[in-house]
Amino acid sequence: MTDRNRSRIRLALAAALTLGVMAQASLFQAASAAEPRDPIQRADIALIEKQLQRIDRVINRLAARQQQQAGRRVILDVDRLRSDVNDVRNGLRAYLAPPRLPPRQPAPLSGQYLAQDPGANP
């Protein structure tokens, strides 16, 4: 493994970890904000998603290169890195579109509103 490859792997890992930390920090701040999904925050999250797409391309290049250089003793765990990036992506998507409660089912109305007064004479 050349120094250039090591530095690329370090850069990819550092970028992935940095984005993960940024996403978690952003979600933490959002949870404490009065309006959790304001326009500025949506723009920031969109930027993070674009960066995640770029990281995916870097990971794909690393994986292809790693396949070409088979037989090395130490390799980058590309599957685990992809899984972590996908976890960050899924967390952002879940935050932007939280699950909603199902609609409440109202109790059926009886429709029988006439009753006999037990104290009345027949």
Protein backbone atom coordinates (compact mmCIF):
# COMPACT_ATOMS: atom_id res chain seq x y z
CA MET A 1 0.00 0.00 0.00
CA THR A 2 1.46 3.33 -1.02
CA ASP A 3 1.46 6.45 1.08
CA ARG A 4 -0.94 8.04 -1.38
CA ASN A 5 -3.46 5.21 -0.92
CA ARG A 6 -3.12 5.42 2.85
CA SER A 7 -3.77 9.12 2.80
CA ARG A 8 -6.86 8.62 0.59
CA ILE A 9 -8.22 5.98 2.94
CA ARG A 10 -7.57 8.21 5.94
CA LEU A 11 -9.26 11.10 4.17
CA ALA A 12 -12.33 9.00 3.31
CA LEU A 13 -12.61 7.68 6.85
CA ALA A 14 -12.10 11.11 8.35
CA ALA A 15 -14.76 12.57 6.06
CA ALA A 16 -17.23 9.81 6.91
CA LEU A 17 -16.65 10.16 10.64
CA THR A 18 -16.81 13.95 10.47
CA LEU A 19 -20.11 13.81 8.64
CA GLY A 20 -21.46 11.32 11.14
CA VAL A 21 -20.53 13.60 14.02
CA MET A 22 -21.94 16.63 12.20
CA ALA A 23 -25.21 14.82 11.51
CA GLN A 24 -25.54 13.73 15.12
CA ALA A 25 -24.75 17.21 16.38
CA SER A 26 -27.24 18.71 13.95
CA LEU A 27 -29.93 16.27 15.08
CA PHE A 28 -29.18 17.02 18.73
CA GLN A 29 -29.47 20.75 18.14
CA ALA A 30 -32.64 20.22 16.16
CA ALA A 31 -34.23 18.23 18.92
CA SER A 32 -33.72 21.13 21.31
CA ALA A 33 -34.92 23.82 18.90
CA ALA A 34 -38.44 25.17 19.05
CA GLU A 35 -39.09 24.51 15.33
CA PRO A 36 -37.08 21.41 14.46
CA ARG A 37 -37.38 21.63 10.68
CA ASP A 38 -36.67 25.22 9.73
CA PRO A 39 -35.50 26.14 6.20
CA ILE A 40 -31.87 26.74 7.18
CA GLN A 41 -31.64 23.38 8.86
CA ARG A 42 -33.21 21.68 5.84
CA ALA A 43 -30.56 23.30 3.63
CA ASP A 44 -27.82 22.09 5.96
CA ILE A 45 -29.20 18.56 5.92
CA ALA A 46 -29.45 18.67 2.12
CA LEU A 47 -25.78 19.67 2.05
CA ILE A 48 -24.90 16.74 4.30
CA GLU A 49 -26.82 14.40 1.98
CA LYS A 50 -24.83 15.68 -1.02
CA GLN A 51 -21.61 15.11 0.88
CA LEU A 52 -22.75 11.58 1.71
CA GLN A 53 -23.27 10.96 -2.02
CA ARG A 54 -19.70 12.13 -2.65
CA ILE A 55 -18.45 9.85 0.08
CA ASP A 56 -20.31 6.96 -1.58
CA ARG A 57 -18.39 7.64 -4.80
CA VAL A 58 -15.08 7.68 -2.91
CA ILE A 59 -15.99 4.43 -1.16
CA ASN A 60 -16.81 2.83 -4.53
CA ARG A 61 -13.42 3.90 -5.90
CA LEU A 62 -11.69 2.54 -2.81
CA ALA A 63 -13.55 -0.76 -3.12
CA ALA A 64 -12.66 -1.13 -6.79
CA ARG A 65 -9.03 -0.34 -6.09
CA GLN A 66 -8.99 -2.72 -3.17
CA GLN A 67 -10.26 -5.55 -5.41
CA GLN A 68 -7.43 -4.86 -7.85
CA GLN A 69 -4.89 -5.14 -5.05
CA ALA A 70 -6.06 -8.46 -3.60
CA GLY A 71 -3.87 -10.36 -1.17
CA ARG A 72 -2.97 -7.49 1.12
CA ARG A 73 -2.79 -8.17 4.81
CA VAL A 74 -4.68 -5.10 6.00
CA ILE A 75 -7.71 -3.87 4.10
CA LEU A 76 -10.37 -1.25 4.56
CA ASP A 77 -13.66 -2.73 5.72
CA VAL A 78 -15.69 -1.17 2.91
CA ASP A 79 -18.92 -2.92 3.88
CA ARG A 80 -18.79 -1.56 7.42
CA LEU A 81 -17.96 1.93 6.13
CA ARG A 82 -20.92 1.77 3.69
CA SER A 83 -23.15 0.57 6.51
CA ASP A 84 -22.15 3.49 8.73
CA VAL A 85 -22.70 6.02 5.95
CA ASN A 86 -26.11 4.47 5.24
CA ASP A 87 -26.98 4.65 8.94
CA VAL A 88 -26.23 8.38 8.94
CA ARG A 89 -28.28 8.83 5.75
CA ASN A 90 -31.22 6.84 7.14
CA GLY A 91 -31.08 8.81 10.38
CA LEU A 92 -31.34 12.07 8.47
CA ARG A 93 -34.24 10.79 6.39
CA ALA A 94 -36.04 9.50 9.47
CA TYR A 95 -35.62 12.90 11.11
CA LEU A 96 -36.97 14.75 8.08
CA ALA A 97 -39.98 12.45 7.73
CA PRO A 98 -40.85 11.16 11.20
CA PRO A 99 -43.41 8.38 11.37
CA ARG A 100 -46.89 9.63 11.99
CA LEU A 101 -49.45 8.10 14.23
CA PRO A 102 -52.24 6.29 12.41
CA PRO A 103 -55.53 8.19 12.22
CA ARG A 104 -57.67 7.75 15.28
CA GLN A 105 -60.71 5.55 14.78
CA PRO A 106 -63.72 7.25 16.33
CA ALA A 107 -66.24 5.15 18.20
CA PRO A 108 -69.34 4.43 16.12
CA LEU A 109 -72.39 6.49 16.96
CA SER A 110 -75.51 4.63 17.98
CA GLY A 111 -77.98 6.87 16.20
CA GLN A 112 -80.73 5.98 18.75
CA TYR A 113 -81.50 9.18 20.59
CA LEU A 114 -85.10 8.47 21.69
CA ALA A 115 -85.57 6.80 25.01
CA GLN A 116 -88.51 6.18 27.26
CA ASP A 117 -88.64 7.98 30.54
CA PRO A 118 -88.97 5.31 33.24
CA GLY A 119 -90.99 7.70 35.44
CA ALA A 120 -93.54 8.63 32.79
CA ASN A 121 -97.04 7.07 32.62
CA PRO A 122 -97.79 4.98 29.56
